[in-house]
Structures are given as C-alpha cells and as structure tokens.
Amino acid sequence: MGRRRRKQAGHWGVVEVRSLGFGHGAPAWLAYWLELDAPGRVSIEIDSDRNATITPAAWRRARRAFGPPLSIRVLDHDTARRVRRVVPTRVTVLVTPDDPHLNEQATIGDLPDADLDVLPAADRAVRCPVGSGGGRGA
C-alpha cells in the first residue's frame, strides 16, 4: 500500500531570531515554524549555525506536526529565499514585513532559562519554550 499524501491546508509563518546569550551564554539562531491558523502551535529549530535552522529536516518536522501548508509568510526576502530552497514549489512563500503575528514572534529572542524545557534529541539537547505545543517530540 502506498502512503497517502495529506491535503495542503492552513497557513504558516517562519520567523528567524538571533539570540544573544541563549542557554549558557552562547549565541544561537532560532527559527520559529508557526501554524498561523492555530496560534500557539510552533516548531522551533535552535542552532548556533543559522543555516541549520531552515533545512529540509526542519521542514519535514514542521510538516509532520502541522500538515502541509498552502502558504508560508516571512518577514523579509532573505528568509523567503532560504524557505523557498527547502519547501516544495506548490507552497507559496509570501514576504509580509508588517504581519503583526510574525513581528510579535520576532521579539521573543532571549527567554530566561526558567521558561525553557530541555528535550533530548539524537545528538544534542533541544530547548523549547514551555507550553509551545510543538517542536521535537511533541
């Protein structure tokens, strides 16, 4: 039996944030893959290397969590270019610099350690805001 493709539905956002002093003082990049139709559902990629947060693997994790989107909104053209490289051509990527929900998410850079959960991953610890409703293992 072949796998059935899930129907595209919903809209996402991708927001990149550079965090200074995240975790134990090490700078890191955070990419929030957001399900905009269900506020609060987010898949977060965290790495010291910016290129490791918007990848085919990050796309697959978010797609498994939310289902395939019709469109993805981003705040700038650089993020749009990076997202377009990893998502299928059937997904529309829109640059929306004035989107209030994405701009709100972009201000969340540095979270105190007390607001974070550490979830084990294959090769490193992944830190997600408590109650994020997404991310690895959710």
C-alpha atoms as a PDB file:
ATOM      1  CA  MET A   1       0.000   0.000   0.000  1.00  0.00           C
ATOM      2  CA  GLY A   2       1.279   3.472  -0.858  1.00  0.00           C
ATOM      3  CA  ARG A   3       1.335   6.351   1.550  1.00  0.00           C
ATOM      4  CA  ARG A   4      -1.487   8.810   1.174  1.00  0.00           C
ATOM      5  CA  ARG A   5      -0.428  12.444   0.762  1.00  0.00           C
ATOM      6  CA  ARG A   6      -2.022  14.802   3.263  1.00  0.00           C
ATOM      7  CA  LYS A   7      -4.010  17.605   1.682  1.00  0.00           C
ATOM      8  CA  GLN A   8      -2.496  21.087   1.863  1.00  0.00           C
ATOM      9  CA  ALA A   9      -4.352  23.287   4.306  1.00  0.00           C
ATOM     10  CA  GLY A  10      -3.635  26.228   6.508  1.00  0.00           C
ATOM     11  CA  HIS A  11      -1.037  28.927   6.599  1.00  0.00           C
ATOM     12  CA  TRP A  12       2.313  29.045   8.340  1.00  0.00           C
ATOM     13  CA  GLY A  13       4.881  31.630   9.255  1.00  0.00           C
ATOM     14  CA  VAL A  14       8.651  31.310   9.630  1.00  0.00           C
ATOM     15  CA  VAL A  15      10.478  33.801  11.838  1.00  0.00           C
ATOM     16  CA  GLU A  16      14.236  33.864  12.450  1.00  0.00           C
ATOM     17  CA  VAL A  17      15.669  35.404  15.604  1.00  0.00           C
ATOM     18  CA  ARG A  18      19.292  35.772  16.676  1.00  0.00           C
ATOM     19  CA  SER A  19      19.527  35.264  20.402  1.00  0.00           C
ATOM     20  CA  LEU A  20      22.484  36.663  22.303  1.00  0.00           C
ATOM     21  CA  GLY A  21      23.259  34.699  25.418  1.00  0.00           C
ATOM     22  CA  PHE A  22      20.693  31.952  24.845  1.00  0.00           C
ATOM     23  CA  GLY A  23      21.209  28.973  27.147  1.00  0.00           C
ATOM     24  CA  HIS A  24      24.644  29.173  28.727  1.00  0.00           C
ATOM     25  CA  GLY A  25      25.634  32.461  27.168  1.00  0.00           C
ATOM     26  CA  ALA A  26      26.273  31.065  23.673  1.00  0.00           C
ATOM     27  CA  PRO A  27      24.646  33.000  20.809  1.00  0.00           C
ATOM     28  CA  ALA A  28      22.150  30.966  18.810  1.00  0.00           C
ATOM     29  CA  TRP A  29      19.722  31.267  15.919  1.00  0.00           C
ATOM     30  CA  LEU A  30      16.092  30.334  16.459  1.00  0.00           C
ATOM     31  CA  ALA A  31      13.702  29.613  13.607  1.00  0.00           C
ATOM     32  CA  TYR A  32      10.052  29.505  14.621  1.00  0.00           C
ATOM     33  CA  TRP A  33       7.893  27.498  12.199  1.00  0.00           C
ATOM     34  CA  LEU A  34       4.390  28.689  13.192  1.00  0.00           C
ATOM     35  CA  GLU A  35       0.959  27.364  12.343  1.00  0.00           C
ATOM     36  CA  LEU A  36      -0.895  30.669  11.921  1.00  0.00           C
ATOM     37  CA  ASP A  37      -4.389  29.131  11.852  1.00  0.00           C
ATOM     38  CA  ALA A  38      -3.835  27.594  15.295  1.00  0.00           C
ATOM     39  CA  PRO A  39      -1.973  30.176  17.396  1.00  0.00           C
ATOM     40  CA  GLY A  40       0.383  28.609  19.902  1.00  0.00           C
ATOM     41  CA  ARG A  41       1.434  25.702  17.697  1.00  0.00           C
ATOM     42  CA  VAL A  42       5.094  26.129  16.814  1.00  0.00           C
ATOM     43  CA  SER A  43       8.082  24.017  15.813  1.00  0.00           C
ATOM     44  CA  ILE A  44      11.349  25.594  16.943  1.00  0.00           C
ATOM     45  CA  GLU A  45      14.781  24.953  15.467  1.00  0.00           C
ATOM     46  CA  ILE A  46      17.744  26.193  17.532  1.00  0.00           C
ATOM     47  CA  ASP A  47      21.371  26.119  16.482  1.00  0.00           C
ATOM     48  CA  SER A  48      24.478  28.268  16.657  1.00  0.00           C
ATOM     49  CA  ASP A  49      24.694  27.939  12.851  1.00  0.00           C
ATOM     50  CA  ARG A  50      21.971  29.965  11.121  1.00  0.00           C
ATOM     51  CA  ASN A  51      21.996  27.589   8.143  1.00  0.00           C
ATOM     52  CA  ALA A  52      20.932  24.694  10.392  1.00  0.00           C
ATOM     53  CA  THR A  53      17.547  26.205  11.336  1.00  0.00           C
ATOM     54  CA  ILE A  54      15.860  26.347   7.914  1.00  0.00           C
ATOM     55  CA  THR A  55      16.632  22.980   6.360  1.00  0.00           C
ATOM     56  CA  PRO A  56      14.785  20.132   4.656  1.00  0.00           C
ATOM     57  CA  ALA A  57      14.798  18.282   8.002  1.00  0.00           C
ATOM     58  CA  ALA A  58      13.255  21.281   9.806  1.00  0.00           C
ATOM     59  CA  TRP A  59      10.609  21.485   7.055  1.00  0.00           C
ATOM     60  CA  ARG A  60       9.778  17.769   7.479  1.00  0.00           C
ATOM     61  CA  ARG A  61       9.415  18.081  11.276  1.00  0.00           C
ATOM     62  CA  ALA A  62       7.053  21.051  10.954  1.00  0.00           C
ATOM     63  CA  ARG A  63       5.071  19.386   8.160  1.00  0.00           C
ATOM     64  CA  ARG A  64       4.632  16.249  10.274  1.00  0.00           C
ATOM     65  CA  ALA A  65       3.428  18.379  13.205  1.00  0.00           C
ATOM     66  CA  PHE A  66       1.046  20.664  11.282  1.00  0.00           C
ATOM     67  CA  GLY A  67       0.304  19.044   7.912  1.00  0.00           C
ATOM     68  CA  PRO A  68       1.362  20.604   4.591  1.00  0.00           C
ATOM     69  CA  PRO A  69       0.616  24.351   4.299  1.00  0.00           C
ATOM     70  CA  LEU A  70      -0.871  26.308   1.420  1.00  0.00           C
ATOM     71  CA  SER A  71       1.418  29.250   2.133  1.00  0.00           C
ATOM     72  CA  ILE A  72       4.233  30.365   4.407  1.00  0.00           C
ATOM     73  CA  ARG A  73       4.624  34.006   5.455  1.00  0.00           C
ATOM     74  CA  VAL A  74       8.005  35.501   6.368  1.00  0.00           C
ATOM     75  CA  LEU A  75       9.186  38.973   7.372  1.00  0.00           C
ATOM     76  CA  ASP A  76      11.998  39.533   4.847  1.00  0.00           C
ATOM     77  CA  HIS A  77      13.341  38.482   1.454  1.00  0.00           C
ATOM     78  CA  ASP A  78      16.416  36.705   2.853  1.00  0.00           C
ATOM     79  CA  THR A  79      14.271  34.378   4.967  1.00  0.00           C
ATOM     80  CA  ALA A  80      11.928  33.890   1.988  1.00  0.00           C
ATOM     81  CA  ARG A  81      14.857  32.812  -0.201  1.00  0.00           C
ATOM     82  CA  ARG A  82      16.019  30.311   2.426  1.00  0.00           C
ATOM     83  CA  VAL A  83      12.494  28.900   2.960  1.00  0.00           C
ATOM     84  CA  ARG A  84      11.879  28.567  -0.808  1.00  0.00           C
ATOM     85  CA  ARG A  85      15.008  26.385  -1.075  1.00  0.00           C
ATOM     86  CA  VAL A  86      13.564  23.762   1.308  1.00  0.00           C
ATOM     87  CA  VAL A  87       9.794  23.702   0.627  1.00  0.00           C
ATOM     88  CA  PRO A  88       8.054  22.264  -2.459  1.00  0.00           C
ATOM     89  CA  THR A  89       7.165  24.685  -5.258  1.00  0.00           C
ATOM     90  CA  ARG A  90       3.427  24.133  -4.611  1.00  0.00           C
ATOM     91  CA  VAL A  91       3.809  26.059  -1.307  1.00  0.00           C
ATOM     92  CA  THR A  92       3.562  29.837  -1.752  1.00  0.00           C
ATOM     93  CA  VAL A  93       6.127  31.855   0.215  1.00  0.00           C
ATOM     94  CA  LEU A  94       4.975  35.428   0.940  1.00  0.00           C
ATOM     95  CA  VAL A  95       7.038  38.317   2.313  1.00  0.00           C
ATOM     96  CA  THR A  96       4.826  40.197   4.794  1.00  0.00           C
ATOM     97  CA  PRO A  97       7.027  42.620   6.788  1.00  0.00           C
ATOM     98  CA  ASP A  98       4.027  44.200   8.553  1.00  0.00           C
ATOM     99  CA  ASP A  99       2.409  40.942   9.749  1.00  0.00           C
ATOM    100  CA  PRO A 100       1.598  41.588  13.439  1.00  0.00           C
ATOM    101  CA  HIS A 101       1.757  37.910  14.489  1.00  0.00           C
ATOM    102  CA  LEU A 102       5.164  37.358  12.881  1.00  0.00           C
ATOM    103  CA  ASN A 103       6.523  40.629  14.288  1.00  0.00           C
ATOM    104  CA  GLU A 104       5.338  39.640  17.758  1.00  0.00           C
ATOM    105  CA  GLN A 105       7.139  36.297  17.438  1.00  0.00           C
ATOM    106  CA  ALA A 106      10.293  38.062  16.243  1.00  0.00           C
ATOM    107  CA  THR A 107      10.545  39.922  19.575  1.00  0.00           C
ATOM    108  CA  ILE A 108      10.779  36.709  21.628  1.00  0.00           C
ATOM    109  CA  GLY A 109      14.568  36.216  21.153  1.00  0.00           C
ATOM    110  CA  ASP A 110      16.017  35.754  24.651  1.00  0.00           C
ATOM    111  CA  LEU A 111      13.966  33.624  27.007  1.00  0.00           C
ATOM    112  CA  PRO A 112      15.052  33.083  30.602  1.00  0.00           C
ATOM    113  CA  ASP A 113      16.190  29.518  31.352  1.00  0.00           C
ATOM    114  CA  ALA A 114      13.283  29.116  33.777  1.00  0.00           C
ATOM    115  CA  ASP A 115      10.888  29.341  30.804  1.00  0.00           C
ATOM    116  CA  LEU A 116      12.563  26.521  28.869  1.00  0.00           C
ATOM    117  CA  ASP A 117      12.220  22.756  28.756  1.00  0.00           C
ATOM    118  CA  VAL A 118      15.101  20.611  27.561  1.00  0.00           C
ATOM    119  CA  LEU A 119      14.059  17.752  25.307  1.00  0.00           C
ATOM    120  CA  PRO A 120      16.549  15.056  24.307  1.00  0.00           C
ATOM    121  CA  ALA A 121      17.479  14.776  20.629  1.00  0.00           C
ATOM    122  CA  ALA A 122      19.722  12.309  18.873  1.00  0.00           C
ATOM    123  CA  ASP A 123      22.856  14.431  19.019  1.00  0.00           C
ATOM    124  CA  ARG A 124      22.119  17.455  21.227  1.00  0.00           C
ATOM    125  CA  ALA A 125      19.606  18.940  23.633  1.00  0.00           C
ATOM    126  CA  VAL A 126      16.811  20.946  22.054  1.00  0.00           C
ATOM    127  CA  ARG A 127      15.333  23.782  24.086  1.00  0.00           C
ATOM    128  CA  CYS A 128      11.714  24.812  23.596  1.00  0.00           C
ATOM    129  CA  PRO A 129       9.522  27.301  25.453  1.00  0.00           C
ATOM    130  CA  VAL A 130       7.287  25.504  27.930  1.00  0.00           C
ATOM    131  CA  GLY A 131       3.795  25.097  26.522  1.00  0.00           C
ATOM    132  CA  SER A 132       4.882  25.803  22.954  1.00  0.00           C
ATOM    133  CA  GLY A 133       2.705  22.967  21.681  1.00  0.00           C
ATOM    134  CA  GLY A 134       5.211  21.985  19.011  1.00  0.00           C
ATOM    135  CA  GLY A 135       8.790  21.222  18.324  1.00  0.00           C
ATOM    136  CA  ARG A 136      10.557  17.903  18.531  1.00  0.00           C
ATOM    137  CA  GLY A 137       8.894  15.218  20.495  1.00  0.00           C
ATOM    138  CA  ALA A 138       5.538  16.968  20.513  1.00  0.00           C
END
